[in-house]
Amino acid sequence: MLTLKQRWLSGLWKKYQSLPLRCLISTSISKGKQSKVPQYPVDPLITDEICESDTKIDIELVQHLEKLSLVDFANKEGLLRLQAAISLADQLRAVNTEGVEPMYSVLEDRSITLAEDEVLIGNISDDILGCAKETLEDYFVVPPGNIDYIPEDSYYEKLKDDKT
């Protein structure tokens, strides 16, 4: 049985074996550095069997997420989008990253210059705070984030009907 890395490499080889070698070599490889970022799109070889999700989307989970996010998404389209996001996270979790150093930038082959931290326009705090609806001691006042969310039973009845 092939490992995930071996399957990925064999799939990559099959896909690009007909291309000329110069198409596969990036500028960083030609300069002696090898980029870890693929130069062409790579089809994922992670299947649903590898990354089975333990997360079950039930009404209690939907209610909890709606309470945290203050967004109503308990409809068929919202549940499909949530399931797709969980599936993507499961695919990322299935990737073996053991021994891989974290990347700080996807532009490994280029030096990134930082701009000097210079104040171009000073003393504009009054102008900025003037844009806020409410301020308190030179701070923005924002609405409370965790408002008690009182679910309506009829709202979730439609969701139960859609699942059946």
Protein backbone atom coordinates (compact mmCIF):
# COMPACT_ATOMS: atom_id res chain seq x y z
CA MET A 1 0.00 0.00 0.00
CA LEU A 2 1.37 3.38 -0.98
CA THR A 3 1.70 6.20 1.51
CA LEU A 4 -0.01 9.50 0.94
CA LYS A 5 3.27 11.11 -0.13
CA GLN A 6 4.01 8.31 -2.61
CA ARG A 7 0.54 8.60 -4.14
CA TRP A 8 0.93 12.35 -4.40
CA LEU A 9 4.31 12.04 -6.11
CA SER A 10 3.11 9.37 -8.54
CA GLY A 11 0.08 11.49 -9.43
CA LEU A 12 2.31 14.50 -9.95
CA TRP A 13 4.68 12.48 -12.16
CA LYS A 14 1.84 11.15 -14.32
CA LYS A 15 0.43 14.62 -14.77
CA TYR A 16 3.65 16.40 -15.74
CA GLN A 17 5.81 13.69 -17.38
CA SER A 18 4.90 14.88 -20.87
CA LEU A 19 5.96 18.50 -20.22
CA PRO A 20 9.46 19.68 -21.12
CA LEU A 21 11.75 19.86 -18.11
CA ARG A 22 12.24 23.62 -18.45
CA CYS A 23 8.51 24.13 -17.80
CA LEU A 24 8.80 22.37 -14.46
CA ILE A 25 11.85 24.25 -13.20
CA SER A 26 11.08 27.47 -11.41
CA THR A 27 13.44 30.40 -11.26
CA SER A 28 14.34 29.49 -7.69
CA ILE A 29 15.39 25.96 -8.69
CA SER A 30 17.48 27.27 -11.54
CA LYS A 31 19.28 29.55 -9.04
CA GLY A 32 20.11 26.61 -6.80
CA LYS A 33 17.17 26.96 -4.42
CA GLN A 34 14.28 24.56 -4.52
CA SER A 35 10.85 26.03 -3.92
CA LYS A 36 8.36 24.08 -1.84
CA VAL A 37 5.50 25.87 -3.55
CA PRO A 38 4.24 24.07 -6.67
CA GLN A 39 4.65 26.13 -9.82
CA TYR A 40 1.48 24.67 -11.35
CA PRO A 41 -1.86 23.69 -9.81
CA VAL A 42 -1.80 20.25 -8.23
CA ASP A 43 -4.87 18.05 -8.03
CA PRO A 44 -5.47 16.88 -4.48
CA LEU A 45 -4.94 13.16 -3.97
CA ILE A 46 -6.61 13.12 -0.57
CA THR A 47 -9.76 11.08 -0.85
CA ASP A 48 -12.82 10.97 1.35
CA GLU A 49 -11.72 7.61 2.78
CA ILE A 50 -8.55 9.18 4.20
CA CYS A 51 -10.21 12.14 5.86
CA GLU A 52 -13.44 10.92 7.35
CA SER A 53 -15.10 13.62 9.39
CA ASP A 54 -16.11 12.92 12.97
CA THR A 55 -18.11 16.14 13.05
CA LYS A 56 -21.84 15.61 12.82
CA ILE A 57 -23.88 18.66 11.95
CA ASP A 58 -27.00 18.61 14.05
CA ILE A 59 -29.41 21.33 15.08
CA GLU A 60 -27.65 21.92 18.42
CA LEU A 61 -24.35 22.57 16.62
CA VAL A 62 -26.04 24.94 14.16
CA GLN A 63 -27.69 26.82 17.01
CA HIS A 64 -24.38 27.08 18.87
CA LEU A 65 -22.54 28.36 15.78
CA GLU A 66 -25.30 30.87 15.08
CA LYS A 67 -25.07 32.12 18.65
CA LEU A 68 -21.29 32.57 18.40
CA SER A 69 -21.31 34.18 14.97
CA LEU A 70 -24.62 36.06 15.23
CA VAL A 71 -25.36 34.90 11.67
CA ASP A 72 -28.41 32.87 10.67
CA PHE A 73 -27.41 30.08 8.31
CA ALA A 74 -29.82 27.29 9.20
CA ASN A 75 -30.92 26.63 5.64
CA LYS A 76 -29.93 24.07 3.06
CA GLU A 77 -27.35 26.32 1.36
CA GLY A 78 -25.80 27.34 4.69
CA LEU A 79 -25.48 23.73 5.82
CA LEU A 80 -23.86 22.73 2.52
CA ARG A 81 -21.33 25.55 2.89
CA LEU A 82 -20.61 24.52 6.49
CA GLN A 83 -20.14 20.89 5.44
CA ALA A 84 -17.76 21.98 2.65
CA ALA A 85 -15.70 24.02 5.13
CA ILE A 86 -15.48 21.08 7.53
CA SER A 87 -14.48 18.79 4.65
CA LEU A 88 -11.69 21.18 3.63
CA ALA A 89 -10.44 21.34 7.22
CA ASP A 90 -10.43 17.53 7.37
CA GLN A 91 -8.34 17.38 4.20
CA LEU A 92 -5.83 19.80 5.72
CA ARG A 93 -5.74 17.77 8.92
CA ALA A 94 -5.00 14.58 6.92
CA VAL A 95 -1.80 16.02 5.42
CA ASN A 96 1.35 14.70 7.09
CA THR A 97 3.45 17.73 8.04
CA GLU A 98 5.93 15.87 10.21
CA GLY A 99 9.42 17.21 9.61
CA VAL A 100 8.20 20.15 7.50
CA GLU A 101 9.40 23.54 8.64
CA PRO A 102 6.75 26.26 8.77
CA MET A 103 6.80 28.81 5.95
CA TYR A 104 6.88 32.46 6.74
CA SER A 105 6.20 33.54 3.18
CA VAL A 106 5.10 31.88 -0.03
CA LEU A 107 7.67 34.01 -1.85
CA GLU A 108 10.75 32.08 -0.73
CA ASP A 109 12.77 32.98 -3.79
CA ARG A 110 12.36 36.75 -3.39
CA SER A 111 13.54 39.09 -0.70
CA ILE A 112 10.77 41.18 0.75
CA THR A 113 11.79 44.65 1.79
CA LEU A 114 9.93 46.27 4.61
CA ALA A 115 8.92 49.89 4.42
CA GLU A 116 10.15 52.27 7.06
CA ASP A 117 7.63 53.03 9.76
CA GLU A 118 7.21 56.74 9.19
CA VAL A 119 4.33 58.92 10.27
CA LEU A 120 3.10 60.75 7.18
CA ILE A 121 0.09 62.48 8.65
CA GLY A 122 0.06 63.14 12.39
CA ASN A 123 -2.57 64.07 14.97
CA ILE A 124 -5.58 62.69 13.12
CA SER A 125 -7.03 60.74 16.04
CA ASP A 126 -9.87 63.27 16.41
CA ASP A 127 -10.76 62.85 12.72
CA ILE A 128 -10.74 59.07 13.03
CA LEU A 129 -12.75 59.01 16.25
CA GLY A 130 -15.22 61.42 14.63
CA CYS A 131 -16.27 58.60 12.29
CA ALA A 132 -17.50 56.44 15.18
CA LYS A 133 -21.09 56.47 16.37
CA GLU A 134 -19.98 56.38 19.99
CA THR A 135 -16.65 56.93 21.74
CA LEU A 136 -15.54 56.74 25.34
CA GLU A 137 -12.25 58.21 26.55
CA ASP A 138 -10.69 58.23 23.07
CA TYR A 139 -11.75 54.64 22.31
CA PHE A 140 -14.32 53.27 19.90
CA VAL A 141 -17.40 51.78 21.56
CA VAL A 142 -18.54 48.67 19.73
CA PRO A 143 -21.76 46.75 20.20
CA PRO A 144 -21.58 43.73 22.49
CA GLY A 145 -20.64 40.56 20.65
CA ASN A 146 -22.28 37.83 22.68
CA ILE A 147 -25.90 38.82 22.80
CA ASP A 148 -28.14 36.11 24.20
CA TYR A 149 -29.49 34.36 21.17
CA ILE A 150 -33.03 33.13 21.62
CA PRO A 151 -33.79 30.57 18.92
CA GLU A 152 -37.24 30.39 17.46
CA ASP A 153 -38.62 26.86 17.25
CA SER A 154 -40.35 27.52 13.93
CA TYR A 155 -37.05 28.63 12.38
CA TYR A 156 -35.47 25.22 12.96
CA GLU A 157 -38.57 23.23 12.00
CA LYS A 158 -37.90 24.08 8.35
CA LEU A 159 -34.32 22.83 8.77
CA LYS A 160 -35.56 19.50 10.15
CA ASP A 161 -37.93 19.18 7.18
CA ASP A 162 -35.11 19.88 4.68
CA LYS A 163 -32.91 17.13 6.15
CA THR A 164 -35.54 14.44 5.74
